[in-house]
Amino acid sequence: CPCQFNSLPTHGDCRAGVAMRIDEGHFGDVSLDGAHWAAMFAWPKAIHEGNGEALIILDEGTSEAQREALLAILSGETSTPGATMFSVFASTLTRMHETVVAPIRFEADFDSWHGEFSVPGYIDAKAAPITNPVSGESHRAKVTLPGGFEYREAEFVSSRTSAKGPIPLDWTDGHGHLCMLHMTPNGPVG
């Protein structure tokens, strides 16, 4: 994604499928340990130009309190303005589709840098290391953004995504990244 390097999108618009598993976390007194969420986004031009839309999916295994907490976080309203991806992306959206509660399958293997997530009837996404076109070997690529609002370090991978519904997504060999986050209302740390 050229936007990681302050450049405009390769194809003029920006589309994304995102999923997270919270290994350990909380929002106030609400434990978010083990919660999953996914989202689909689309912007007609570069993200910072706005007019984006989003569909948020919360895992059916989350409690009502966890759902309320996740929606508060994802709205960006609980973050320092501009400090987190939630705050930044929310400020660029003009359309929020109705939140969906559905089963989310999520897997991430940080040793092999493979991952996938799916929500039946909505999205199927897979990530794998970038392949060297000459040797066929995995080509590992990490990016460090010391002041990043999305992450501090991520492994860039190749992604394949297909999504139906209000925000269709369809690509093979597209950009993807996998990362571990320690996110606070003031941004990622560590």
N, C-alpha and C. Protein backbone atom coordinates (compact mmCIF):
# COMPACT_ATOMS: atom_id res chain seq x y z
N CYS A 1 0.84 -1.19 0.00
CA CYS A 1 0.00 0.00 0.00
C CYS A 1 0.89 1.25 0.00
N PRO A 2 0.85 2.04 -1.05
CA PRO A 2 1.68 3.24 -1.09
C PRO A 2 1.35 4.24 0.02
N CYS A 3 0.13 4.19 0.56
CA CYS A 3 -0.22 5.16 1.61
C CYS A 3 0.67 5.00 2.83
N GLN A 4 1.25 3.80 3.02
CA GLN A 4 2.18 3.61 4.13
C GLN A 4 3.43 4.47 3.95
N PHE A 5 3.62 4.97 2.73
CA PHE A 5 4.81 5.76 2.41
C PHE A 5 4.43 7.14 1.88
N ASN A 6 3.24 7.63 2.31
CA ASN A 6 2.75 8.96 1.94
C ASN A 6 2.58 9.16 0.45
N SER A 7 2.15 8.11 -0.24
CA SER A 7 1.86 8.19 -1.67
C SER A 7 0.39 7.87 -1.92
N LEU A 8 -0.09 8.21 -3.10
CA LEU A 8 -1.49 7.96 -3.46
C LEU A 8 -1.70 6.49 -3.80
N PRO A 9 -2.94 6.01 -3.73
CA PRO A 9 -3.23 4.60 -4.03
C PRO A 9 -2.85 4.22 -5.46
N THR A 10 -2.39 3.01 -5.62
CA THR A 10 -1.96 2.50 -6.92
C THR A 10 -3.06 2.58 -7.96
N HIS A 11 -4.29 2.20 -7.59
CA HIS A 11 -5.39 2.13 -8.54
C HIS A 11 -6.37 3.29 -8.39
N GLY A 12 -6.01 4.30 -7.64
CA GLY A 12 -6.86 5.48 -7.49
C GLY A 12 -7.81 5.44 -6.32
N ASP A 13 -8.28 4.25 -5.94
CA ASP A 13 -9.17 4.12 -4.80
C ASP A 13 -8.51 3.24 -3.75
N CYS A 14 -9.16 3.09 -2.62
CA CYS A 14 -8.62 2.23 -1.56
C CYS A 14 -9.74 1.33 -1.06
N ARG A 15 -9.44 0.05 -0.94
CA ARG A 15 -10.40 -0.93 -0.43
C ARG A 15 -9.64 -1.84 0.52
N ALA A 16 -10.32 -2.26 1.58
CA ALA A 16 -9.61 -3.08 2.58
C ALA A 16 -10.56 -4.03 3.29
N GLY A 17 -10.02 -5.18 3.62
CA GLY A 17 -10.66 -6.13 4.51
C GLY A 17 -9.73 -6.29 5.70
N VAL A 18 -10.26 -6.19 6.91
CA VAL A 18 -9.45 -6.18 8.12
C VAL A 18 -10.08 -7.11 9.16
N ALA A 19 -9.24 -7.78 9.94
CA ALA A 19 -9.75 -8.56 11.07
C ALA A 19 -8.73 -8.53 12.19
N MET A 20 -9.23 -8.60 13.40
CA MET A 20 -8.35 -8.63 14.58
C MET A 20 -8.88 -9.61 15.60
N ARG A 21 -7.92 -10.20 16.29
CA ARG A 21 -8.21 -11.02 17.47
C ARG A 21 -7.55 -10.30 18.63
N ILE A 22 -8.29 -10.09 19.67
CA ILE A 22 -7.73 -9.44 20.86
C ILE A 22 -7.33 -10.55 21.83
N ASP A 23 -6.03 -10.75 21.97
CA ASP A 23 -5.55 -11.79 22.88
C ASP A 23 -5.80 -11.38 24.32
N GLU A 24 -5.50 -10.13 24.62
CA GLU A 24 -5.67 -9.62 25.98
C GLU A 24 -5.97 -8.13 25.90
N GLY A 25 -7.03 -7.71 26.53
CA GLY A 25 -7.36 -6.30 26.51
C GLY A 25 -8.64 -6.01 27.28
N HIS A 26 -8.88 -4.73 27.44
CA HIS A 26 -10.10 -4.32 28.14
C HIS A 26 -10.51 -2.94 27.67
N PHE A 27 -11.78 -2.63 27.92
CA PHE A 27 -12.32 -1.30 27.70
C PHE A 27 -13.05 -0.95 28.99
N GLY A 28 -12.45 -0.10 29.80
CA GLY A 28 -12.99 0.13 31.15
C GLY A 28 -12.94 -1.17 31.91
N ASP A 29 -14.10 -1.59 32.44
CA ASP A 29 -14.18 -2.83 33.20
C ASP A 29 -14.53 -4.04 32.33
N VAL A 30 -14.70 -3.85 31.03
CA VAL A 30 -15.11 -4.93 30.14
C VAL A 30 -13.88 -5.63 29.57
N SER A 31 -13.74 -6.92 29.88
CA SER A 31 -12.65 -7.71 29.30
C SER A 31 -12.94 -7.97 27.83
N LEU A 32 -11.94 -7.78 26.99
CA LEU A 32 -12.05 -8.07 25.57
C LEU A 32 -11.21 -9.28 25.17
N ASP A 33 -10.68 -9.99 26.16
CA ASP A 33 -9.85 -11.17 25.89
C ASP A 33 -10.58 -12.13 24.96
N GLY A 34 -9.93 -12.48 23.86
CA GLY A 34 -10.48 -13.46 22.93
C GLY A 34 -11.50 -12.93 21.94
N ALA A 35 -11.85 -11.65 22.02
CA ALA A 35 -12.85 -11.09 21.10
C ALA A 35 -12.26 -10.95 19.69
N HIS A 36 -13.13 -11.10 18.70
CA HIS A 36 -12.76 -10.92 17.30
C HIS A 36 -13.67 -9.87 16.67
N TRP A 37 -13.12 -9.14 15.71
CA TRP A 37 -13.94 -8.26 14.88
C TRP A 37 -13.33 -8.23 13.49
N ALA A 38 -14.14 -7.88 12.53
CA ALA A 38 -13.69 -7.75 11.14
C ALA A 38 -14.39 -6.54 10.54
N ALA A 39 -13.86 -6.05 9.43
CA ALA A 39 -14.47 -4.91 8.77
C ALA A 39 -14.10 -4.89 7.30
N MET A 40 -14.93 -4.26 6.53
CA MET A 40 -14.67 -3.99 5.12
C MET A 40 -14.78 -2.48 4.93
N PHE A 41 -13.83 -1.92 4.18
CA PHE A 41 -13.78 -0.49 3.95
C PHE A 41 -13.63 -0.22 2.45
N ALA A 42 -14.11 0.94 2.02
CA ALA A 42 -13.89 1.39 0.64
C ALA A 42 -13.90 2.91 0.62
N TRP A 43 -12.94 3.47 -0.08
CA TRP A 43 -12.85 4.91 -0.31
C TRP A 43 -12.74 5.13 -1.81
N PRO A 44 -13.43 6.13 -2.38
CA PRO A 44 -13.39 6.34 -3.83
C PRO A 44 -12.05 6.86 -4.34
N LYS A 45 -11.27 7.47 -3.46
CA LYS A 45 -9.94 7.98 -3.81
C LYS A 45 -9.01 7.61 -2.66
N ALA A 46 -8.03 8.42 -2.38
CA ALA A 46 -7.13 8.18 -1.24
C ALA A 46 -7.93 8.31 0.06
N ILE A 47 -7.53 7.56 1.07
CA ILE A 47 -8.23 7.56 2.35
C ILE A 47 -8.39 8.97 2.91
N HIS A 48 -7.32 9.75 2.87
CA HIS A 48 -7.38 11.08 3.48
C HIS A 48 -8.33 12.03 2.76
N GLU A 49 -8.78 11.67 1.55
CA GLU A 49 -9.74 12.51 0.83
C GLU A 49 -11.18 12.24 1.25
N GLY A 50 -11.39 11.21 2.09
CA GLY A 50 -12.70 10.97 2.68
C GLY A 50 -13.70 10.27 1.79
N ASN A 51 -14.98 10.43 2.18
CA ASN A 51 -16.13 9.81 1.51
C ASN A 51 -16.07 8.29 1.53
N GLY A 52 -15.47 7.72 2.59
CA GLY A 52 -15.38 6.28 2.72
C GLY A 52 -16.62 5.66 3.31
N GLU A 53 -16.69 4.35 3.19
CA GLU A 53 -17.77 3.59 3.80
C GLU A 53 -17.19 2.38 4.52
N ALA A 54 -17.93 1.91 5.52
CA ALA A 54 -17.44 0.78 6.31
C ALA A 54 -18.58 -0.13 6.73
N LEU A 55 -18.24 -1.40 6.85
CA LEU A 55 -19.13 -2.42 7.41
C LEU A 55 -18.35 -3.10 8.52
N ILE A 56 -18.84 -3.03 9.74
CA ILE A 56 -18.21 -3.65 10.90
C ILE A 56 -18.92 -4.96 11.20
N ILE A 57 -18.14 -6.01 11.46
CA ILE A 57 -18.68 -7.31 11.83
C ILE A 57 -18.09 -7.69 13.19
N LEU A 58 -18.97 -7.99 14.13
CA LEU A 58 -18.56 -8.42 15.46
C LEU A 58 -18.84 -9.91 15.60
N ASP A 59 -17.93 -10.63 16.21
CA ASP A 59 -18.08 -12.07 16.35
C ASP A 59 -19.29 -12.42 17.20
N GLU A 60 -20.01 -13.45 16.77
CA GLU A 60 -21.21 -13.86 17.50
C GLU A 60 -20.89 -14.35 18.92
N GLY A 61 -19.62 -14.68 19.18
CA GLY A 61 -19.23 -15.14 20.51
C GLY A 61 -19.02 -14.02 21.51
N THR A 62 -19.13 -12.76 21.07
CA THR A 62 -18.93 -11.64 22.00
C THR A 62 -20.23 -11.35 22.75
N SER A 63 -20.07 -10.86 23.98
CA SER A 63 -21.24 -10.48 24.78
C SER A 63 -21.73 -9.10 24.34
N GLU A 64 -22.89 -8.72 24.81
CA GLU A 64 -23.43 -7.40 24.48
C GLU A 64 -22.50 -6.30 25.00
N ALA A 65 -21.94 -6.48 26.20
CA ALA A 65 -21.02 -5.48 26.75
C ALA A 65 -19.76 -5.38 25.89
N GLN A 66 -19.25 -6.52 25.42
CA GLN A 66 -18.07 -6.50 24.55
C GLN A 66 -18.38 -5.82 23.22
N ARG A 67 -19.57 -6.08 22.68
CA ARG A 67 -19.96 -5.44 21.42
C ARG A 67 -20.02 -3.92 21.57
N GLU A 68 -20.61 -3.47 22.65
CA GLU A 68 -20.68 -2.02 22.89
C GLU A 68 -19.28 -1.44 23.04
N ALA A 69 -18.41 -2.14 23.74
CA ALA A 69 -17.03 -1.66 23.93
C ALA A 69 -16.30 -1.61 22.59
N LEU A 70 -16.41 -2.68 21.78
CA LEU A 70 -15.73 -2.71 20.49
C LEU A 70 -16.23 -1.59 19.57
N LEU A 71 -17.53 -1.36 19.55
CA LEU A 71 -18.07 -0.29 18.70
C LEU A 71 -17.59 1.08 19.18
N ALA A 72 -17.47 1.26 20.49
CA ALA A 72 -16.94 2.54 21.01
C ALA A 72 -15.49 2.73 20.56
N ILE A 73 -14.68 1.68 20.64
CA ILE A 73 -13.28 1.76 20.22
C ILE A 73 -13.20 2.01 18.72
N LEU A 74 -13.93 1.21 17.92
CA LEU A 74 -13.87 1.31 16.47
C LEU A 74 -14.39 2.65 15.95
N SER A 75 -15.24 3.32 16.73
CA SER A 75 -15.75 4.63 16.31
C SER A 75 -14.68 5.70 16.33
N GLY A 76 -13.58 5.42 17.04
CA GLY A 76 -12.51 6.40 17.17
C GLY A 76 -12.77 7.46 18.20
N GLU A 77 -13.96 7.50 18.76
CA GLU A 77 -14.34 8.55 19.71
C GLU A 77 -13.63 8.42 21.05
N THR A 78 -13.08 7.24 21.34
CA THR A 78 -12.40 7.04 22.62
C THR A 78 -10.89 7.19 22.50
N SER A 79 -10.42 7.53 21.30
CA SER A 79 -8.99 7.72 21.06
C SER A 79 -8.64 9.20 21.07
N THR A 80 -7.39 9.47 21.38
CA THR A 80 -6.86 10.81 21.16
C THR A 80 -6.98 11.08 19.66
N PRO A 81 -7.54 12.23 19.25
CA PRO A 81 -7.71 12.49 17.81
C PRO A 81 -6.41 12.29 17.02
N GLY A 82 -6.49 11.46 15.97
CA GLY A 82 -5.36 11.19 15.10
C GLY A 82 -4.34 10.20 15.63
N ALA A 83 -4.54 9.68 16.84
CA ALA A 83 -3.53 8.81 17.45
C ALA A 83 -3.67 7.34 17.08
N THR A 84 -4.86 6.91 16.71
CA THR A 84 -5.07 5.50 16.38
C THR A 84 -5.70 5.36 15.00
N MET A 85 -5.58 4.17 14.42
CA MET A 85 -6.23 3.92 13.15
C MET A 85 -7.73 4.09 13.27
N PHE A 86 -8.28 3.81 14.45
CA PHE A 86 -9.73 3.93 14.64
C PHE A 86 -10.15 5.39 14.49
N SER A 87 -9.43 6.28 15.12
CA SER A 87 -9.73 7.71 15.03
C SER A 87 -9.51 8.23 13.62
N VAL A 88 -8.40 7.87 13.01
CA VAL A 88 -8.07 8.36 11.67
C VAL A 88 -9.08 7.86 10.65
N PHE A 89 -9.33 6.56 10.60
CA PHE A 89 -10.23 6.03 9.59
C PHE A 89 -11.66 6.52 9.81
N ALA A 90 -12.13 6.56 11.06
CA ALA A 90 -13.49 7.03 11.33
C ALA A 90 -13.70 8.46 10.82
N SER A 91 -12.66 9.28 10.91
CA SER A 91 -12.80 10.67 10.46
C SER A 91 -12.93 10.79 8.95
N THR A 92 -12.68 9.70 8.21
CA THR A 92 -12.74 9.74 6.75
C THR A 92 -13.99 9.06 6.20
N LEU A 93 -14.84 8.55 7.07
CA LEU A 93 -16.03 7.80 6.65
C LEU A 93 -17.26 8.69 6.60
N THR A 94 -18.04 8.52 5.55
CA THR A 94 -19.32 9.23 5.45
C THR A 94 -20.50 8.26 5.49
N ARG A 95 -20.22 6.96 5.38
CA ARG A 95 -21.30 5.98 5.41
C ARG A 95 -20.89 4.77 6.24
N MET A 96 -21.69 4.48 7.24
CA MET A 96 -21.51 3.28 8.07
C MET A 96 -22.69 2.36 7.81
N HIS A 97 -22.41 1.18 7.30
CA HIS A 97 -23.48 0.19 7.10
C HIS A 97 -23.85 -0.38 8.46
N GLU A 98 -25.01 -0.97 8.55
CA GLU A 98 -25.48 -1.54 9.81
C GLU A 98 -24.52 -2.64 10.27
N THR A 99 -24.14 -2.58 11.53
CA THR A 99 -23.22 -3.57 12.11
C THR A 99 -23.81 -4.97 12.01
N VAL A 100 -22.96 -5.93 11.69
CA VAL A 100 -23.36 -7.33 11.56
C VAL A 100 -22.75 -8.11 12.73
N VAL A 101 -23.51 -9.04 13.29
CA VAL A 101 -23.00 -9.98 14.28
C VAL A 101 -23.06 -11.36 13.63
N ALA A 102 -21.91 -12.00 13.49
CA ALA A 102 -21.82 -13.27 12.78
C ALA A 102 -20.58 -14.03 13.25
N PRO A 103 -20.48 -15.30 12.93
CA PRO A 103 -19.28 -16.05 13.30
C PRO A 103 -18.07 -15.59 12.48
N ILE A 104 -16.97 -15.34 13.16
CA ILE A 104 -15.73 -14.96 12.50
C ILE A 104 -14.71 -16.06 12.74
N ARG A 105 -14.17 -16.59 11.65
CA ARG A 105 -13.06 -17.55 11.74
C ARG A 105 -11.79 -16.75 11.51
N PHE A 106 -10.83 -16.88 12.42
CA PHE A 106 -9.61 -16.08 12.36
C PHE A 106 -8.43 -16.97 12.72
N GLU A 107 -7.39 -16.96 11.87
CA GLU A 107 -6.17 -17.69 12.15
C GLU A 107 -4.98 -16.83 11.75
N ALA A 108 -3.95 -16.84 12.56
CA ALA A 108 -2.71 -16.13 12.24
C ALA A 108 -1.55 -16.94 12.75
N ASP A 109 -0.58 -17.19 11.87
CA ASP A 109 0.63 -17.92 12.24
C ASP A 109 1.81 -16.97 12.01
N PHE A 110 2.31 -16.40 13.09
CA PHE A 110 3.37 -15.41 12.98
C PHE A 110 4.75 -16.04 12.77
N ASP A 111 4.86 -17.35 12.84
CA ASP A 111 6.12 -18.01 12.49
C ASP A 111 6.25 -18.14 10.98
N SER A 112 5.15 -18.48 10.31
CA SER A 112 5.19 -18.65 8.86
C SER A 112 4.63 -17.44 8.11
N TRP A 113 4.06 -16.47 8.84
CA TRP A 113 3.45 -15.27 8.27
C TRP A 113 2.34 -15.61 7.28
N HIS A 114 1.49 -16.53 7.72
CA HIS A 114 0.26 -16.86 7.01
C HIS A 114 -0.91 -16.45 7.91
N GLY A 115 -1.99 -16.06 7.31
CA GLY A 115 -3.18 -15.74 8.08
C GLY A 115 -4.41 -15.83 7.20
N GLU A 116 -5.54 -15.94 7.85
CA GLU A 116 -6.80 -15.92 7.12
C GLU A 116 -7.94 -15.60 8.07
N PHE A 117 -8.97 -15.02 7.50
CA PHE A 117 -10.20 -14.82 8.25
C PHE A 117 -11.37 -14.92 7.29
N SER A 118 -12.50 -15.31 7.84
CA SER A 118 -13.70 -15.39 7.01
C SER A 118 -14.93 -15.18 7.87
N VAL A 119 -15.95 -14.66 7.21
CA VAL A 119 -17.28 -14.50 7.80
C VAL A 119 -18.24 -15.02 6.73
N PRO A 120 -18.94 -16.14 7.01
CA PRO A 120 -19.81 -16.73 5.98
C PRO A 120 -20.78 -15.70 5.40
N GLY A 121 -20.83 -15.66 4.06
CA GLY A 121 -21.72 -14.75 3.36
C GLY A 121 -21.20 -13.33 3.21
N TYR A 122 -20.02 -13.04 3.80
CA TYR A 122 -19.49 -11.68 3.74
C TYR A 122 -18.08 -11.61 3.15
N ILE A 123 -17.12 -12.32 3.75
CA ILE A 123 -15.73 -12.12 3.33
C ILE A 123 -14.90 -13.38 3.57
N ASP A 124 -13.95 -13.57 2.68
CA ASP A 124 -12.95 -14.63 2.82
C ASP A 124 -11.62 -14.00 2.43
N ALA A 125 -10.65 -13.98 3.34
CA ALA A 125 -9.35 -13.34 3.08
C ALA A 125 -8.23 -14.26 3.54
N LYS A 126 -7.18 -14.32 2.73
CA LYS A 126 -6.01 -15.13 3.05
C LYS A 126 -4.76 -14.31 2.81
N ALA A 127 -3.75 -14.53 3.64
CA ALA A 127 -2.47 -13.83 3.51
C ALA A 127 -1.35 -14.84 3.59
N ALA A 128 -0.31 -14.60 2.79
CA ALA A 128 0.88 -15.47 2.77
C ALA A 128 2.08 -14.60 2.43
N PRO A 129 3.27 -15.06 2.75
CA PRO A 129 4.44 -14.25 2.40
C PRO A 129 4.49 -13.93 0.90
N ILE A 130 5.08 -12.81 0.58
CA ILE A 130 5.32 -12.43 -0.81
C ILE A 130 6.27 -13.47 -1.41
N THR A 131 6.01 -13.87 -2.65
CA THR A 131 6.83 -14.89 -3.31
C THR A 131 7.79 -14.23 -4.29
N ASN A 132 9.05 -14.61 -4.21
CA ASN A 132 10.04 -14.14 -5.17
C ASN A 132 9.67 -14.71 -6.54
N PRO A 133 9.48 -13.86 -7.57
CA PRO A 133 9.04 -14.36 -8.87
C PRO A 133 10.07 -15.22 -9.60
N VAL A 134 11.33 -15.14 -9.22
CA VAL A 134 12.38 -15.92 -9.89
C VAL A 134 12.57 -17.26 -9.18
N SER A 135 12.77 -17.22 -7.87
CA SER A 135 13.09 -18.45 -7.13
C SER A 135 11.86 -19.17 -6.60
N GLY A 136 10.74 -18.44 -6.45
CA GLY A 136 9.55 -19.04 -5.85
C GLY A 136 9.60 -19.11 -4.34
N GLU A 137 10.71 -18.66 -3.76
CA GLU A 137 10.87 -18.67 -2.31
C GLU A 137 10.11 -17.51 -1.67
N SER A 138 9.80 -17.65 -0.40
CA SER A 138 9.16 -16.56 0.35
C SER A 138 10.12 -15.39 0.45
N HIS A 139 9.58 -14.21 0.25
CA HIS A 139 10.36 -12.97 0.34
C HIS A 139 9.79 -12.17 1.50
N ARG A 140 10.49 -12.17 2.61
CA ARG A 140 9.99 -11.50 3.81
C ARG A 140 10.27 -10.01 3.73
N ALA A 141 9.28 -9.20 4.10
CA ALA A 141 9.43 -7.75 4.07
C ALA A 141 8.72 -7.15 5.28
N LYS A 142 9.48 -6.49 6.14
CA LYS A 142 8.91 -5.81 7.31
C LYS A 142 9.05 -4.31 7.13
N VAL A 143 8.05 -3.60 7.63
CA VAL A 143 8.07 -2.14 7.60
C VAL A 143 7.93 -1.64 9.03
N THR A 144 8.77 -0.71 9.38
CA THR A 144 8.74 -0.10 10.70
C THR A 144 8.30 1.35 10.54
N LEU A 145 7.27 1.74 11.28
CA LEU A 145 6.78 3.11 11.29
C LEU A 145 6.79 3.60 12.74
N PRO A 146 7.91 4.16 13.20
CA PRO A 146 8.02 4.55 14.61
C PRO A 146 6.90 5.46 15.11
N GLY A 147 6.36 6.30 14.24
CA GLY A 147 5.27 7.20 14.65
C GLY A 147 3.94 6.81 14.04
N GLY A 148 3.81 5.57 13.59
CA GLY A 148 2.59 5.14 12.91
C GLY A 148 1.38 5.10 13.82
N PHE A 149 0.21 5.40 13.27
CA PHE A 149 -1.04 5.34 14.02
C PHE A 149 -1.73 3.99 13.85
N GLU A 150 -1.29 3.21 12.85
CA GLU A 150 -1.88 1.91 12.60
C GLU A 150 -1.11 0.80 13.30
N TYR A 151 0.21 0.85 13.21
CA TYR A 151 1.09 -0.12 13.85
C TYR A 151 2.47 0.50 13.94
N ARG A 152 3.36 -0.17 14.69
CA ARG A 152 4.76 0.25 14.74
C ARG A 152 5.61 -0.59 13.80
N GLU A 153 5.27 -1.89 13.68
CA GLU A 153 5.99 -2.78 12.77
C GLU A 153 5.02 -3.81 12.22
N ALA A 154 5.09 -4.06 10.92
CA ALA A 154 4.23 -5.05 10.29
C ALA A 154 5.02 -5.82 9.25
N GLU A 155 4.64 -7.05 9.05
CA GLU A 155 5.19 -7.89 7.98
C GLU A 155 4.25 -7.72 6.79
N PHE A 156 4.80 -7.26 5.66
CA PHE A 156 3.99 -7.13 4.46
C PHE A 156 3.88 -8.49 3.80
N VAL A 157 2.69 -8.82 3.35
CA VAL A 157 2.39 -10.12 2.76
C VAL A 157 1.54 -9.92 1.51
N SER A 158 1.32 -10.98 0.80
CA SER A 158 0.42 -10.98 -0.34
C SER A 158 -0.95 -11.45 0.14
N SER A 159 -1.99 -10.79 -0.34
CA SER A 159 -3.33 -11.17 0.13
C SER A 159 -4.24 -11.50 -1.04
N ARG A 160 -5.22 -12.32 -0.72
CA ARG A 160 -6.30 -12.68 -1.65
C ARG A 160 -7.59 -12.49 -0.88
N THR A 161 -8.47 -11.67 -1.40
CA THR A 161 -9.69 -11.34 -0.68
C THR A 161 -10.89 -11.33 -1.61
N SER A 162 -11.98 -11.88 -1.12
CA SER A 162 -13.25 -11.86 -1.83
C SER A 162 -14.34 -11.52 -0.83
N ALA A 163 -15.12 -10.50 -1.13
CA ALA A 163 -16.20 -10.11 -0.22
C ALA A 163 -17.43 -9.72 -1.01
N LYS A 164 -18.58 -10.09 -0.47
CA LYS A 164 -19.86 -9.76 -1.08
C LYS A 164 -20.59 -8.81 -0.14
N GLY A 165 -21.73 -8.38 -0.55
CA GLY A 165 -22.53 -7.52 0.31
C GLY A 165 -22.35 -6.06 -0.05
N PRO A 166 -22.57 -5.19 0.92
CA PRO A 166 -22.57 -3.76 0.62
C PRO A 166 -21.22 -3.20 0.20
N ILE A 167 -20.12 -3.88 0.55
CA ILE A 167 -18.79 -3.42 0.15
C ILE A 167 -18.07 -4.60 -0.50
N PRO A 168 -18.27 -4.77 -1.81
CA PRO A 168 -17.61 -5.89 -2.49
C PRO A 168 -16.10 -5.66 -2.59
N LEU A 169 -15.35 -6.71 -2.37
CA LEU A 169 -13.89 -6.69 -2.49
C LEU A 169 -13.49 -7.89 -3.33
N ASP A 170 -12.50 -7.73 -4.18
CA ASP A 170 -12.07 -8.85 -5.00
C ASP A 170 -10.67 -8.59 -5.52
N TRP A 171 -9.66 -9.31 -4.98
CA TRP A 171 -8.31 -9.22 -5.51
C TRP A 171 -7.51 -10.46 -5.17
N THR A 172 -6.50 -10.68 -6.00
CA THR A 172 -5.50 -11.71 -5.74
C THR A 172 -4.15 -11.01 -5.79
N ASP A 173 -3.19 -11.51 -5.07
CA ASP A 173 -1.85 -10.93 -5.02
C ASP A 173 -1.88 -9.44 -4.70
N GLY A 174 -2.74 -9.06 -3.77
CA GLY A 174 -2.81 -7.66 -3.33
C GLY A 174 -1.99 -7.45 -2.07
N HIS A 175 -1.95 -6.22 -1.63
CA HIS A 175 -1.23 -5.88 -0.40
C HIS A 175 -1.96 -6.46 0.81
N GLY A 176 -1.17 -6.87 1.78
CA GLY A 176 -1.68 -7.26 3.08
C GLY A 176 -0.58 -7.06 4.09
N HIS A 177 -0.95 -6.97 5.34
CA HIS A 177 0.08 -6.98 6.37
C HIS A 177 -0.46 -7.64 7.62
N LEU A 178 0.46 -8.28 8.33
CA LEU A 178 0.16 -8.95 9.58
C LEU A 178 0.99 -8.28 10.66
N CYS A 179 0.38 -8.06 11.82
CA CYS A 179 1.15 -7.46 12.90
C CYS A 179 0.51 -7.77 14.24
N MET A 180 1.33 -7.68 15.25
CA MET A 180 0.87 -7.76 16.63
C MET A 180 0.83 -6.32 17.14
N LEU A 181 -0.26 -5.97 17.80
CA LEU A 181 -0.42 -4.61 18.29
C LEU A 181 -0.55 -4.57 19.80
N HIS A 182 -0.04 -3.52 20.38
CA HIS A 182 -0.37 -3.14 21.74
C HIS A 182 -0.95 -1.74 21.58
N MET A 183 -2.27 -1.67 21.52
CA MET A 183 -2.96 -0.42 21.20
C MET A 183 -3.53 0.21 22.45
N THR A 184 -3.35 1.51 22.57
CA THR A 184 -3.92 2.29 23.66
C THR A 184 -4.74 3.43 23.04
N PRO A 185 -5.52 4.16 23.81
CA PRO A 185 -6.24 5.30 23.26
C PRO A 185 -5.31 6.39 22.71
N ASN A 186 -4.04 6.34 23.10
CA ASN A 186 -3.07 7.31 22.61
C ASN A 186 -2.23 6.77 21.45
N GLY A 187 -2.58 5.60 20.94
CA GLY A 187 -1.89 5.02 19.79
C GLY A 187 -1.19 3.73 20.13
N PRO A 188 -0.58 3.11 19.11
CA PRO A 188 0.16 1.87 19.34
C PRO A 188 1.45 2.13 20.11
N VAL A 189 1.84 1.18 20.92
CA VAL A 189 3.11 1.27 21.65
C VAL A 189 3.91 0.01 21.39
N GLY A 190 5.22 0.11 21.53
CA GLY A 190 6.10 -1.05 21.40
C GLY A 190 6.24 -1.60 20.04
